[in-house]
Protein backbone atom coordinates (compact mmCIF):
# COMPACT_ATOMS: atom_id res chain seq x y z
CA UNK A 1 47.02 63.15 101.83
CA UNK A 2 49.45 64.18 105.07
CA UNK A 3 47.99 65.36 107.73
CA UNK A 4 50.44 67.61 110.37
CA UNK A 5 50.57 66.74 113.79
CA UNK A 6 50.26 69.22 116.51
CA UNK A 7 52.98 69.79 119.30
CA UNK A 8 52.52 70.65 122.34
CA UNK A 9 55.31 73.28 124.05
CA UNK A 10 54.86 73.48 127.66
CA UNK A 11 56.46 76.99 128.88
CA UNK A 12 57.84 76.86 132.16
CA UNK A 13 58.47 80.69 133.21
CA UNK A 14 57.46 80.85 136.83
CA UNK A 15 60.99 80.51 138.16
CA UNK A 16 61.26 84.30 136.61
CA UNK A 17 58.53 85.55 138.80
CA UNK A 18 60.56 84.04 142.46
CA UNK A 19 64.27 85.59 141.15
CA UNK A 20 62.26 88.66 140.56
CA UNK A 21 60.46 88.84 143.52
CA UNK A 22 63.83 88.09 145.45
CA UNK A 23 65.53 90.57 143.77
CA UNK A 24 62.86 93.34 144.35
CA UNK A 25 63.15 92.53 147.79
CA UNK A 26 66.56 92.38 148.70
CA UNK A 27 66.81 95.78 146.71
CA UNK A 28 63.80 97.48 148.65
CA UNK A 29 65.60 96.26 152.35
CA UNK A 30 69.39 97.75 151.48
CA UNK A 31 67.46 100.90 150.00
CA UNK A 32 65.15 100.94 153.32
CA UNK A 33 68.31 99.89 155.63
CA UNK A 34 69.87 103.10 153.94
CA UNK A 35 67.24 105.32 154.69
CA UNK A 36 66.79 104.35 157.97
CA UNK A 37 71.10 104.66 158.53
CA UNK A 38 70.52 108.52 156.90
CA UNK A 39 67.62 109.42 159.19
CA UNK A 40 69.11 108.10 162.64
CA UNK A 41 72.02 110.03 161.59
CA UNK A 42 70.85 113.23 160.66
CA UNK A 43 68.99 113.12 164.30
CA UNK A 44 72.67 112.26 165.73
CA UNK A 45 73.79 115.27 163.71
CA UNK A 46 71.24 117.20 165.99
CA UNK A 47 72.08 115.86 169.19
CA UNK A 48 75.86 116.91 168.75
CA UNK A 49 75.41 120.16 167.96
CA UNK A 50 72.85 121.01 170.92
CA UNK A 51 76.11 119.36 172.41
CA UNK A 52 78.31 122.17 171.36
CA UNK A 53 75.85 125.06 171.48
CA UNK A 54 75.06 124.19 174.81
CA UNK A 55 78.79 124.13 175.99
CA UNK A 56 79.38 126.88 174.19
CA UNK A 57 76.73 128.64 175.89
CA UNK A 58 77.83 127.91 179.76
CA UNK A 59 81.19 129.20 178.52
CA UNK A 60 80.50 132.97 177.11
CA UNK A 61 79.10 134.22 180.17
CA UNK A 62 81.35 136.57 182.58
CA UNK A 63 82.69 134.32 185.20
CA UNK A 64 85.33 135.07 187.49
CA UNK A 65 88.10 134.28 185.37
CA UNK A 66 88.74 132.36 181.81
CA UNK A 67 89.97 129.37 183.06
CA UNK A 68 86.26 129.13 185.01
CA UNK A 69 84.34 129.53 181.89
CA UNK A 70 86.57 127.11 179.76
CA UNK A 71 86.08 124.70 182.87
CA UNK A 72 82.20 125.05 182.54
CA UNK A 73 82.19 124.28 179.12
CA UNK A 74 83.87 121.08 179.62
CA UNK A 75 81.62 120.55 182.14
CA UNK A 76 78.38 120.70 180.33
CA UNK A 77 80.24 118.38 177.47
CA UNK A 78 80.59 115.80 180.20
CA UNK A 79 77.39 116.37 181.76
CA UNK A 80 75.69 116.08 177.92
CA UNK A 81 77.53 112.99 176.85
CA UNK A 82 76.79 110.85 180.11
CA UNK A 83 72.88 112.20 179.95
CA UNK A 84 71.45 108.87 180.52
CA UNK A 85 68.83 109.71 177.76
CA UNK A 86 71.29 110.26 175.07
CA UNK A 87 74.03 107.91 176.37
CA UNK A 88 71.84 104.87 174.87
CA UNK A 89 71.99 106.90 171.62
CA UNK A 90 75.33 107.99 171.64
CA UNK A 91 77.14 104.98 172.73
CA UNK A 92 75.65 102.37 170.69
CA UNK A 93 78.48 101.67 168.65
CA UNK A 94 76.76 103.40 166.10
CA UNK A 95 78.25 106.47 166.23
CA UNK A 96 81.83 108.35 168.22
CA UNK A 97 80.96 111.40 169.42
CA UNK A 98 84.38 113.63 171.36
CA UNK A 99 85.18 116.71 172.47
CA UNK A 100 87.31 118.56 169.13
CA UNK A 101 88.57 121.65 170.89
CA UNK A 102 87.42 124.35 172.56
CA UNK A 103 88.48 128.27 171.71
CA UNK A 104 87.44 131.07 173.98
CA UNK A 105 89.29 134.00 172.88
CA UNK A 106 91.98 134.05 175.85
CA UNK A 107 94.87 135.45 173.54
CA UNK A 108 95.06 136.34 169.69
CA UNK A 109 95.82 132.73 168.92
CA UNK A 110 92.42 131.10 170.71
CA UNK A 111 89.98 131.81 168.10
CA UNK A 112 88.61 130.10 165.08
CA UNK A 113 89.40 133.00 162.72
CA UNK A 114 91.68 130.73 160.33
CA UNK A 115 88.96 128.36 159.96
CA UNK A 116 86.57 130.45 159.71
CA UNK A 117 87.36 133.53 157.47
CA UNK A 118 84.80 135.32 156.38
CA UNK A 119 86.73 138.07 154.94
CA UNK A 120 88.12 136.33 152.05
CA UNK A 121 84.67 135.57 150.41
CA UNK A 122 83.65 139.31 150.93
CA UNK A 123 81.39 139.28 153.71
CA UNK A 124 81.33 142.92 155.81
CA UNK A 125 79.88 141.53 159.42
CA UNK A 126 82.41 139.90 162.11
CA UNK A 127 81.52 136.49 162.58
CA UNK A 128 82.09 135.50 166.20
CA UNK A 129 85.17 133.00 166.27
CA UNK A 130 84.62 132.07 169.62
CA UNK A 131 83.23 128.13 170.75
CA UNK A 132 82.74 124.70 171.30
CA UNK A 133 83.36 122.15 168.49
CA UNK A 134 82.87 118.07 168.23
CA UNK A 135 83.76 115.48 166.22
CA UNK A 136 81.10 113.19 165.27
CA UNK A 137 81.68 109.73 163.61
CA UNK A 138 78.77 107.99 161.95
CA UNK A 139 79.84 104.39 161.84
CA UNK A 140 76.62 103.47 160.98
CA UNK A 141 76.98 104.34 157.93
CA UNK A 142 80.00 102.19 156.98
CA UNK A 143 77.43 99.66 155.19
CA UNK A 144 78.08 97.01 152.82
CA UNK A 145 74.48 96.90 151.01
CA UNK A 146 75.81 93.78 148.60
CA UNK A 147 75.01 94.59 145.23
CA UNK A 148 74.65 97.59 145.50
CA UNK A 149 78.35 97.96 146.39
CA UNK A 150 79.87 99.76 150.04
CA UNK A 151 78.88 103.13 151.10
CA UNK A 152 82.10 104.90 151.30
CA UNK A 153 83.40 108.53 151.45
CA UNK A 154 85.44 109.96 149.32
CA UNK A 155 88.15 110.71 151.24
CA UNK A 156 88.11 106.47 152.58
CA UNK A 157 88.42 107.60 156.23
CA UNK A 158 84.43 107.16 157.00
CA UNK A 159 81.69 109.63 157.75
CA UNK A 160 83.24 112.35 159.85
CA UNK A 161 81.88 115.56 160.95
CA UNK A 162 83.32 118.47 163.04
CA UNK A 163 79.95 120.52 164.48
CA UNK A 164 80.35 124.09 166.25
CA UNK A 165 79.03 126.79 167.41
CA UNK A 166 80.55 130.53 167.26
CA UNK A 167 79.08 132.65 169.69
CA UNK A 168 80.45 136.31 171.02
CA UNK A 169 82.04 135.47 174.49
CA UNK A 170 81.56 138.20 177.23
CA UNK A 171 84.82 139.37 179.37
CA UNK A 172 85.21 137.37 182.25
CA UNK A 173 85.51 139.78 185.56
CA UNK A 174 89.23 139.36 185.88
CA UNK A 175 89.30 140.58 182.26
CA UNK A 176 87.25 143.27 183.18
CA UNK A 177 89.22 144.23 186.04
CA UNK A 178 92.40 144.58 184.34
CA UNK A 179 90.86 146.53 181.68
CA UNK A 180 89.39 149.08 183.86
CA UNK A 181 92.64 149.42 186.14
CA UNK A 182 94.92 150.10 182.75
CA UNK A 183 91.86 152.23 181.47
CA UNK A 184 92.17 154.43 184.88
CA UNK A 185 96.05 154.55 184.76
CA UNK A 186 95.79 156.11 181.27
CA UNK A 187 93.30 158.82 182.14
CA UNK A 188 95.28 159.57 185.23
CA UNK A 189 98.37 160.06 182.92
CA UNK A 190 96.83 162.58 180.52
CA UNK A 191 96.55 165.39 183.50
CA UNK A 192 96.89 165.47 187.39
CA UNK A 193 93.44 166.62 187.71
CA UNK A 194 91.90 163.14 186.76
CA UNK A 195 93.69 161.93 189.57
CA UNK A 196 92.06 163.08 192.97
CA UNK A 197 88.50 164.10 193.58
CA UNK A 198 87.19 167.58 195.24
CA UNK A 199 87.75 166.93 199.19
CA UNK A 200 90.32 164.09 198.80
CA UNK A 201 93.06 164.67 200.60
CA UNK A 202 94.57 161.77 199.74
CA UNK A 203 95.04 162.54 196.26
CA UNK A 204 94.26 158.84 194.97
CA UNK A 205 91.57 158.46 192.86
CA UNK A 206 88.33 156.92 193.11
CA UNK A 207 87.39 154.12 191.09
CA UNK A 208 83.93 154.14 189.44
CA UNK A 209 82.60 151.36 187.50
CA UNK A 210 79.49 150.39 186.01
CA UNK A 211 78.22 146.52 185.50
CA UNK A 212 80.27 146.25 182.49
CA UNK A 213 83.73 146.65 181.33
């Protein structure tokens, strides 16, 4: 009679648990880092948008001249970027914010109509094409998440955004004066009686202006 012996098989799979834990921990850490970078970047985007809007708002009121409007916008940008509350966020090496351009409607080319053409898309309203635009470079998103790979934009130039605020600009005092003077001259040329008022022996016209152009 043959007796079948028992074989003892020792299972040693405890190492797999450790490997699973390490992999899960690394994956969770990388995803957490990515989500933090994205959330923080969205906050900086809103701040940059506010800087653009504040600079545009500083430029649009009817100051003495166009150059004064432009200078006020530049001072506002400089003041916001140097704000002690914002400096730790904007100058920590994670982001780079610069003034891209400023077009306030001084002449026919000083607009953003070429970049924001609403006519071609069938818009039936006019979009104000004057304002201040900022460039935002999000260096924090140039991440290398190890096994997940490197996060990069499709163009390969990094994560660059252009943020702007377009608002209707009020005419400056200088522009209003020129407009009113030209309007008076054209009225006088229509008929000589418009050039003088009853009782005005000198025959010179008398400007009568309202509080706007």
